Each structure stands twice: as structure tokens, then as C-alpha cells.
Amino acid sequence: MRTQSLRLGLIGIGGLLLDAAVFATLALTVLSAEVLAEGPILARAAAAAVAIAAQWIATRYGTLRGRSRPEVLREAGEFIILSVVGVAVSLACLWVSHYLLGFESVVADLVAVYPVGVVLSALARLLVVRLWLARADPAGAPV
């Protein structure tokens, strides 16, 4: 169990680093605000998509190999739903910072997404999971 938790943690950190690297690269080049007004939002969405895919593959075929459920599409769907909730929260943080408050530098965008967006995303995903589990088992029995 410890090894699995450590692997999941490393996958999470790796995904976060991949996400940040893709976002910064895009936001500083082809999707900069100077090139395209919506560039930072598109860069965030693209970076998140790359990181989500990498994390799911690493989790499914690495850490949980042999323990994964046979319903690959359902498992992927659940993972994507939770990931999209997190991305939506981080996109909202970026939008507020960049477009509403006017903090338009790449550094400000990075701060809005990481750590502010990451922390709020984690809380939102936790809330969704708790609501999801409560809905799945309304009797309150252990899931």
C-alpha cells in the first residue's frame, strides 16, 4: 500500500510538473497573450489535457496495473470528470487573475494556476468525490 501511495504521489507531482512546463512553454510562445488574447486560457486547457492523459496512462498501466477495473471506458470517464472539475477551477482562477484583475504576466498566470488553482482544484475534487460517494451509497454504508 505504501509503495502504491508513493507511486501515485510521484505520478501526481510528475503530472503537475508536466502541466506547468507545457503551460509555461505555450504561454511564452505560440499562445502568449501578445499573440492571442485568449492565449493563456488556451495554454492552460492544452497543458491540462496533456497532463491528464499522461497521469491516467501512468496510473492505469503503471501504479494500478493488475488492480484496475476491467471497465476501461468507465474508469477513464470518472478520471476525466474529476480532472475536468479541477481544470475548470484552475481556469477560473486564471481568468479572474488575468482578465478581471489585470495581472497579465506569465508569472502572475503561473501563480494563479499553481498554487492557487491547484489548492482550490483539490478542494473542489474532494467535494465532488464526497458527493459522488454519498450519492452512490445513500444508506451510508462503507463504500
N, C-alpha and C. Protein backbone atom coordinates (compact mmCIF):
# COMPACT_ATOMS: atom_id res chain seq x y z
N MET A 1 0.83 -1.21 0.00
CA MET A 1 0.00 0.00 0.00
C MET A 1 0.86 1.26 0.00
N ARG A 2 1.95 1.24 0.79
CA ARG A 2 2.83 2.41 0.82
C ARG A 2 3.46 2.67 -0.54
N THR A 3 3.91 1.58 -1.18
CA THR A 3 4.53 1.72 -2.49
C THR A 3 3.55 2.30 -3.49
N GLN A 4 2.31 1.83 -3.44
CA GLN A 4 1.29 2.33 -4.36
C GLN A 4 1.01 3.80 -4.09
N SER A 5 0.92 4.18 -2.83
CA SER A 5 0.69 5.58 -2.49
C SER A 5 1.85 6.45 -2.94
N LEU A 6 3.06 5.95 -2.76
CA LEU A 6 4.24 6.69 -3.20
C LEU A 6 4.22 6.87 -4.72
N ARG A 7 3.89 5.81 -5.44
CA ARG A 7 3.81 5.89 -6.90
C ARG A 7 2.74 6.89 -7.34
N LEU A 8 1.58 6.83 -6.70
CA LEU A 8 0.51 7.77 -7.05
C LEU A 8 0.94 9.21 -6.78
N GLY A 9 1.63 9.42 -5.66
CA GLY A 9 2.14 10.74 -5.35
C GLY A 9 3.14 11.24 -6.37
N LEU A 10 4.04 10.35 -6.78
CA LEU A 10 5.03 10.71 -7.79
C LEU A 10 4.37 11.00 -9.14
N ILE A 11 3.34 10.23 -9.47
CA ILE A 11 2.61 10.49 -10.71
C ILE A 11 1.93 11.86 -10.63
N GLY A 12 1.36 12.17 -9.48
CA GLY A 12 0.72 13.48 -9.30
C GLY A 12 1.71 14.62 -9.43
N ILE A 13 2.86 14.48 -8.81
CA ILE A 13 3.90 15.52 -8.91
C ILE A 13 4.41 15.62 -10.34
N GLY A 14 4.63 14.47 -10.96
CA GLY A 14 5.08 14.48 -12.35
C GLY A 14 4.07 15.13 -13.27
N GLY A 15 2.79 14.83 -13.05
CA GLY A 15 1.74 15.45 -13.84
C GLY A 15 1.69 16.95 -13.64
N LEU A 16 1.86 17.39 -12.41
CA LEU A 16 1.87 18.81 -12.11
C LEU A 16 3.04 19.51 -12.80
N LEU A 17 4.21 18.89 -12.76
CA LEU A 17 5.38 19.47 -13.42
C LEU A 17 5.21 19.50 -14.94
N LEU A 18 4.67 18.41 -15.49
CA LEU A 18 4.40 18.37 -16.93
C LEU A 18 3.40 19.46 -17.31
N ASP A 19 2.34 19.58 -16.54
CA ASP A 19 1.31 20.59 -16.75
C ASP A 19 1.93 21.98 -16.75
N ALA A 20 2.72 22.28 -15.73
CA ALA A 20 3.34 23.61 -15.61
C ALA A 20 4.31 23.87 -16.75
N ALA A 21 5.09 22.86 -17.15
CA ALA A 21 6.05 23.04 -18.24
C ALA A 21 5.35 23.31 -19.57
N VAL A 22 4.30 22.55 -19.85
CA VAL A 22 3.56 22.77 -21.10
C VAL A 22 2.87 24.13 -21.08
N PHE A 23 2.25 24.47 -19.94
CA PHE A 23 1.58 25.76 -19.83
C PHE A 23 2.56 26.91 -20.03
N ALA A 24 3.68 26.88 -19.33
CA ALA A 24 4.66 27.97 -19.44
C ALA A 24 5.20 28.07 -20.86
N THR A 25 5.50 26.93 -21.45
CA THR A 25 6.03 26.93 -22.82
C THR A 25 5.04 27.56 -23.79
N LEU A 26 3.79 27.13 -23.72
CA LEU A 26 2.77 27.67 -24.62
C LEU A 26 2.49 29.14 -24.33
N ALA A 27 2.41 29.50 -23.04
CA ALA A 27 2.09 30.88 -22.66
C ALA A 27 3.20 31.86 -23.01
N LEU A 28 4.41 31.35 -23.15
CA LEU A 28 5.54 32.21 -23.52
C LEU A 28 5.79 32.25 -25.02
N THR A 29 5.10 31.36 -25.77
CA THR A 29 5.38 31.29 -27.21
C THR A 29 4.09 31.45 -28.02
N VAL A 30 3.61 30.38 -28.59
CA VAL A 30 2.52 30.45 -29.57
C VAL A 30 1.17 30.85 -28.98
N LEU A 31 1.00 30.70 -27.68
CA LEU A 31 -0.26 31.09 -27.05
C LEU A 31 -0.07 32.20 -26.02
N SER A 32 0.88 33.07 -26.27
CA SER A 32 1.08 34.20 -25.36
C SER A 32 -0.08 35.19 -25.54
N ALA A 33 -0.30 35.99 -24.55
CA ALA A 33 -1.37 36.99 -24.61
C ALA A 33 -1.10 38.02 -25.71
N GLU A 34 0.16 38.22 -26.05
CA GLU A 34 0.50 39.16 -27.12
C GLU A 34 0.14 38.59 -28.50
N VAL A 35 0.17 37.28 -28.63
CA VAL A 35 -0.17 36.63 -29.90
C VAL A 35 -1.67 36.47 -30.03
N LEU A 36 -2.31 36.09 -28.94
CA LEU A 36 -3.74 35.79 -28.95
C LEU A 36 -4.32 36.18 -27.61
N ALA A 37 -5.36 36.98 -27.61
CA ALA A 37 -5.94 37.45 -26.34
C ALA A 37 -6.34 36.31 -25.42
N GLU A 38 -6.87 35.24 -25.98
CA GLU A 38 -7.30 34.09 -25.18
C GLU A 38 -6.17 33.08 -24.98
N GLY A 39 -4.96 33.45 -25.36
CA GLY A 39 -3.82 32.54 -25.30
C GLY A 39 -3.60 31.87 -23.97
N PRO A 40 -3.59 32.62 -22.85
CA PRO A 40 -3.36 31.96 -21.56
C PRO A 40 -4.41 30.90 -21.22
N ILE A 41 -5.65 31.17 -21.54
CA ILE A 41 -6.72 30.20 -21.27
C ILE A 41 -6.52 28.95 -22.13
N LEU A 42 -6.22 29.14 -23.41
CA LEU A 42 -5.99 28.01 -24.30
C LEU A 42 -4.74 27.22 -23.89
N ALA A 43 -3.71 27.94 -23.45
CA ALA A 43 -2.49 27.27 -23.00
C ALA A 43 -2.77 26.42 -21.76
N ARG A 44 -3.58 26.95 -20.87
CA ARG A 44 -3.95 26.20 -19.65
C ARG A 44 -4.74 24.95 -20.01
N ALA A 45 -5.69 25.09 -20.90
CA ALA A 45 -6.51 23.94 -21.30
C ALA A 45 -5.67 22.87 -21.99
N ALA A 46 -4.77 23.28 -22.87
CA ALA A 46 -3.91 22.32 -23.57
C ALA A 46 -2.97 21.63 -22.60
N ALA A 47 -2.37 22.37 -21.70
CA ALA A 47 -1.45 21.79 -20.71
C ALA A 47 -2.18 20.79 -19.83
N ALA A 48 -3.38 21.15 -19.41
CA ALA A 48 -4.16 20.25 -18.57
C ALA A 48 -4.51 18.96 -19.31
N ALA A 49 -4.87 19.07 -20.58
CA ALA A 49 -5.21 17.88 -21.36
C ALA A 49 -4.01 16.93 -21.47
N VAL A 50 -2.84 17.48 -21.71
CA VAL A 50 -1.63 16.65 -21.81
C VAL A 50 -1.35 15.98 -20.47
N ALA A 51 -1.42 16.74 -19.38
CA ALA A 51 -1.13 16.19 -18.06
C ALA A 51 -2.17 15.14 -17.63
N ILE A 52 -3.43 15.39 -17.91
CA ILE A 52 -4.49 14.44 -17.56
C ILE A 52 -4.26 13.11 -18.28
N ALA A 53 -3.98 13.18 -19.56
CA ALA A 53 -3.74 11.95 -20.33
C ALA A 53 -2.53 11.20 -19.79
N ALA A 54 -1.45 11.90 -19.53
CA ALA A 54 -0.23 11.26 -19.02
C ALA A 54 -0.47 10.63 -17.65
N GLN A 55 -1.18 11.33 -16.78
CA GLN A 55 -1.44 10.81 -15.44
C GLN A 55 -2.35 9.58 -15.49
N TRP A 56 -3.36 9.61 -16.32
CA TRP A 56 -4.25 8.45 -16.39
C TRP A 56 -3.51 7.23 -16.91
N ILE A 57 -2.73 7.41 -17.95
CA ILE A 57 -1.96 6.28 -18.51
C ILE A 57 -0.98 5.75 -17.47
N ALA A 58 -0.27 6.64 -16.81
CA ALA A 58 0.71 6.21 -15.80
C ALA A 58 0.02 5.50 -14.63
N THR A 59 -1.13 5.99 -14.22
CA THR A 59 -1.85 5.38 -13.11
C THR A 59 -2.42 4.03 -13.51
N ARG A 60 -3.09 4.00 -14.63
CA ARG A 60 -3.76 2.76 -15.08
C ARG A 60 -2.78 1.66 -15.41
N TYR A 61 -1.75 1.98 -16.17
CA TYR A 61 -0.85 0.94 -16.66
C TYR A 61 0.45 0.82 -15.87
N GLY A 62 0.62 1.68 -14.89
CA GLY A 62 1.81 1.61 -14.05
C GLY A 62 1.46 1.25 -12.63
N THR A 63 0.97 2.21 -11.90
CA THR A 63 0.69 2.03 -10.48
C THR A 63 -0.40 1.00 -10.21
N LEU A 64 -1.48 1.05 -10.95
CA LEU A 64 -2.62 0.17 -10.67
C LEU A 64 -2.67 -1.04 -11.59
N ARG A 65 -1.58 -1.34 -12.25
CA ARG A 65 -1.53 -2.49 -13.15
C ARG A 65 -1.95 -3.74 -12.38
N GLY A 66 -2.88 -4.46 -12.95
CA GLY A 66 -3.37 -5.67 -12.30
C GLY A 66 -4.48 -5.43 -11.31
N ARG A 67 -4.63 -4.20 -10.85
CA ARG A 67 -5.69 -3.87 -9.90
C ARG A 67 -6.77 -3.00 -10.53
N SER A 68 -6.54 -2.57 -11.75
CA SER A 68 -7.51 -1.72 -12.43
C SER A 68 -8.76 -2.50 -12.75
N ARG A 69 -9.85 -1.79 -12.78
CA ARG A 69 -11.11 -2.41 -13.14
C ARG A 69 -11.13 -2.72 -14.63
N PRO A 70 -11.89 -3.73 -15.01
CA PRO A 70 -11.93 -4.08 -16.43
C PRO A 70 -12.68 -3.05 -17.29
N GLU A 71 -13.51 -2.21 -16.71
CA GLU A 71 -14.27 -1.23 -17.48
C GLU A 71 -13.41 0.00 -17.74
N VAL A 72 -12.54 -0.10 -18.72
CA VAL A 72 -11.58 0.96 -19.02
C VAL A 72 -12.28 2.28 -19.34
N LEU A 73 -13.33 2.22 -20.14
CA LEU A 73 -14.01 3.46 -20.52
C LEU A 73 -14.66 4.14 -19.32
N ARG A 74 -15.27 3.36 -18.46
CA ARG A 74 -15.89 3.95 -17.26
C ARG A 74 -14.83 4.54 -16.35
N GLU A 75 -13.75 3.81 -16.16
CA GLU A 75 -12.66 4.28 -15.32
C GLU A 75 -12.07 5.58 -15.89
N ALA A 76 -11.85 5.60 -17.20
CA ALA A 76 -11.32 6.80 -17.85
C ALA A 76 -12.32 7.95 -17.71
N GLY A 77 -13.60 7.66 -17.88
CA GLY A 77 -14.62 8.69 -17.75
C GLY A 77 -14.64 9.32 -16.37
N GLU A 78 -14.57 8.49 -15.34
CA GLU A 78 -14.56 9.00 -13.97
C GLU A 78 -13.32 9.86 -13.72
N PHE A 79 -12.17 9.38 -14.20
CA PHE A 79 -10.92 10.12 -14.05
C PHE A 79 -11.02 11.47 -14.76
N ILE A 80 -11.57 11.45 -15.96
CA ILE A 80 -11.69 12.68 -16.74
C ILE A 80 -12.67 13.65 -16.08
N ILE A 81 -13.79 13.16 -15.57
CA ILE A 81 -14.76 14.03 -14.90
C ILE A 81 -14.10 14.76 -13.73
N LEU A 82 -13.40 14.01 -12.89
CA LEU A 82 -12.73 14.64 -11.74
C LEU A 82 -11.65 15.61 -12.21
N SER A 83 -10.95 15.24 -13.26
CA SER A 83 -9.90 16.13 -13.78
C SER A 83 -10.49 17.40 -14.36
N VAL A 84 -11.59 17.28 -15.07
CA VAL A 84 -12.23 18.46 -15.67
C VAL A 84 -12.72 19.41 -14.58
N VAL A 85 -13.23 18.88 -13.49
CA VAL A 85 -13.63 19.73 -12.36
C VAL A 85 -12.43 20.55 -11.89
N GLY A 86 -11.30 19.88 -11.72
CA GLY A 86 -10.09 20.57 -11.28
C GLY A 86 -9.61 21.61 -12.28
N VAL A 87 -9.64 21.25 -13.55
CA VAL A 87 -9.20 22.18 -14.59
C VAL A 87 -10.13 23.39 -14.65
N ALA A 88 -11.42 23.16 -14.52
CA ALA A 88 -12.38 24.28 -14.55
C ALA A 88 -12.08 25.28 -13.43
N VAL A 89 -11.77 24.76 -12.26
CA VAL A 89 -11.45 25.66 -11.13
C VAL A 89 -10.16 26.44 -11.42
N SER A 90 -9.14 25.75 -11.93
CA SER A 90 -7.89 26.46 -12.21
C SER A 90 -8.05 27.46 -13.36
N LEU A 91 -8.88 27.12 -14.36
CA LEU A 91 -9.18 28.07 -15.43
C LEU A 91 -9.89 29.31 -14.88
N ALA A 92 -10.80 29.09 -13.94
CA ALA A 92 -11.50 30.22 -13.32
C ALA A 92 -10.51 31.11 -12.57
N CYS A 93 -9.57 30.51 -11.85
CA CYS A 93 -8.55 31.29 -11.14
C CYS A 93 -7.72 32.10 -12.12
N LEU A 94 -7.32 31.48 -13.22
CA LEU A 94 -6.54 32.16 -14.24
C LEU A 94 -7.34 33.29 -14.87
N TRP A 95 -8.59 33.04 -15.19
CA TRP A 95 -9.42 34.06 -15.83
C TRP A 95 -9.59 35.27 -14.90
N VAL A 96 -9.88 35.01 -13.64
CA VAL A 96 -10.06 36.12 -12.68
C VAL A 96 -8.76 36.93 -12.57
N SER A 97 -7.65 36.23 -12.40
CA SER A 97 -6.37 36.92 -12.25
C SER A 97 -5.98 37.70 -13.49
N HIS A 98 -6.04 37.05 -14.63
CA HIS A 98 -5.53 37.65 -15.87
C HIS A 98 -6.49 38.69 -16.46
N TYR A 99 -7.76 38.35 -16.57
CA TYR A 99 -8.71 39.20 -17.29
C TYR A 99 -9.50 40.14 -16.38
N LEU A 100 -9.83 39.70 -15.19
CA LEU A 100 -10.63 40.54 -14.29
C LEU A 100 -9.74 41.48 -13.47
N LEU A 101 -8.67 40.91 -12.88
CA LEU A 101 -7.80 41.72 -12.02
C LEU A 101 -6.66 42.38 -12.79
N GLY A 102 -6.40 41.93 -14.02
CA GLY A 102 -5.39 42.56 -14.86
C GLY A 102 -3.95 42.15 -14.60
N PHE A 103 -3.73 41.05 -13.89
CA PHE A 103 -2.37 40.55 -13.70
C PHE A 103 -2.00 39.73 -14.92
N GLU A 104 -1.32 40.36 -15.88
CA GLU A 104 -1.17 39.77 -17.20
C GLU A 104 0.19 39.15 -17.49
N SER A 105 1.08 39.11 -16.54
CA SER A 105 2.39 38.49 -16.80
C SER A 105 2.27 36.97 -16.72
N VAL A 106 3.22 36.30 -17.35
CA VAL A 106 3.23 34.84 -17.29
C VAL A 106 3.45 34.38 -15.85
N VAL A 107 4.24 35.10 -15.10
CA VAL A 107 4.47 34.75 -13.69
C VAL A 107 3.15 34.83 -12.92
N ALA A 108 2.39 35.88 -13.13
CA ALA A 108 1.09 36.01 -12.46
C ALA A 108 0.15 34.89 -12.87
N ASP A 109 0.19 34.52 -14.16
CA ASP A 109 -0.64 33.41 -14.63
C ASP A 109 -0.23 32.11 -13.94
N LEU A 110 1.06 31.88 -13.82
CA LEU A 110 1.55 30.67 -13.15
C LEU A 110 1.11 30.62 -11.69
N VAL A 111 1.15 31.78 -11.02
CA VAL A 111 0.72 31.83 -9.61
C VAL A 111 -0.78 31.58 -9.51
N ALA A 112 -1.55 32.12 -10.44
CA ALA A 112 -3.00 31.92 -10.41
C ALA A 112 -3.35 30.45 -10.58
N VAL A 113 -2.62 29.76 -11.44
CA VAL A 113 -2.91 28.34 -11.70
C VAL A 113 -2.23 27.45 -10.68
N TYR A 114 -0.96 27.73 -10.36
CA TYR A 114 -0.17 26.95 -9.41
C TYR A 114 0.41 27.95 -8.44
N PRO A 115 0.11 28.00 -7.23
CA PRO A 115 -0.55 27.06 -6.35
C PRO A 115 -2.04 27.35 -6.11
N VAL A 116 -2.50 28.58 -6.39
CA VAL A 116 -3.88 28.93 -6.05
C VAL A 116 -4.87 27.97 -6.71
N GLY A 117 -4.78 27.81 -8.00
CA GLY A 117 -5.70 26.92 -8.72
C GLY A 117 -5.58 25.47 -8.29
N VAL A 118 -4.36 25.03 -8.00
CA VAL A 118 -4.15 23.64 -7.59
C VAL A 118 -4.82 23.36 -6.25
N VAL A 119 -4.66 24.25 -5.30
CA VAL A 119 -5.27 24.05 -3.98
C VAL A 119 -6.79 24.08 -4.08
N LEU A 120 -7.33 25.07 -4.77
CA LEU A 120 -8.78 25.15 -4.92
C LEU A 120 -9.33 23.99 -5.74
N SER A 121 -8.57 23.53 -6.73
CA SER A 121 -8.98 22.37 -7.53
C SER A 121 -9.04 21.12 -6.69
N ALA A 122 -8.05 20.94 -5.84
CA ALA A 122 -8.04 19.76 -4.96
C ALA A 122 -9.25 19.76 -4.04
N LEU A 123 -9.58 20.92 -3.50
CA LEU A 123 -10.76 21.02 -2.63
C LEU A 123 -12.05 20.73 -3.41
N ALA A 124 -12.13 21.24 -4.62
CA ALA A 124 -13.32 21.00 -5.44
C ALA A 124 -13.46 19.53 -5.79
N ARG A 125 -12.35 18.88 -6.16
CA ARG A 125 -12.41 17.45 -6.49
C ARG A 125 -12.79 16.63 -5.27
N LEU A 126 -12.26 17.00 -4.10
CA LEU A 126 -12.62 16.31 -2.87
C LEU A 126 -14.12 16.43 -2.61
N LEU A 127 -14.67 17.60 -2.80
CA LEU A 127 -16.10 17.81 -2.62
C LEU A 127 -16.90 16.96 -3.60
N VAL A 128 -16.49 16.92 -4.86
CA VAL A 128 -17.19 16.12 -5.86
C VAL A 128 -17.14 14.63 -5.49
N VAL A 129 -15.97 14.16 -5.08
CA VAL A 129 -15.84 12.75 -4.70
C VAL A 129 -16.73 12.43 -3.52
N ARG A 130 -16.74 13.30 -2.52
CA ARG A 130 -17.61 13.05 -1.35
C ARG A 130 -19.08 13.03 -1.73
N LEU A 131 -19.49 13.97 -2.57
CA LEU A 131 -20.88 13.99 -3.03
C LEU A 131 -21.19 12.77 -3.89
N TRP A 132 -20.27 12.37 -4.71
CA TRP A 132 -20.41 11.22 -5.60
C TRP A 132 -20.56 9.94 -4.77
N LEU A 133 -19.70 9.78 -3.77
CA LEU A 133 -19.78 8.58 -2.93
C LEU A 133 -21.05 8.58 -2.09
N ALA A 134 -21.45 9.75 -1.59
CA ALA A 134 -22.68 9.82 -0.80
C ALA A 134 -23.89 9.48 -1.66
N ARG A 135 -23.86 9.91 -2.90
CA ARG A 135 -24.96 9.61 -3.82
C ARG A 135 -24.97 8.14 -4.21
N ALA A 136 -23.77 7.56 -4.36
CA ALA A 136 -23.67 6.16 -4.76
C ALA A 136 -24.14 5.23 -3.66
N ASP A 137 -24.01 5.66 -2.40
CA ASP A 137 -24.43 4.82 -1.28
C ASP A 137 -25.19 5.67 -0.25
N PRO A 138 -26.44 5.97 -0.52
CA PRO A 138 -27.21 6.85 0.35
C PRO A 138 -27.44 6.27 1.75
N ALA A 139 -27.30 4.98 1.93
CA ALA A 139 -27.51 4.38 3.24
C ALA A 139 -26.37 4.66 4.19
N GLY A 140 -25.26 5.14 3.65
CA GLY A 140 -24.13 5.47 4.50
C GLY A 140 -23.23 4.29 4.80
N ALA A 141 -23.45 3.18 4.14
CA ALA A 141 -22.61 2.02 4.35
C ALA A 141 -21.22 2.30 3.76
N PRO A 142 -20.19 1.67 4.30
CA PRO A 142 -18.86 1.88 3.73
C PRO A 142 -18.81 1.50 2.27
N VAL A 143 -18.16 2.36 1.48
CA VAL A 143 -18.05 2.11 0.05
C VAL A 143 -16.71 1.47 -0.24
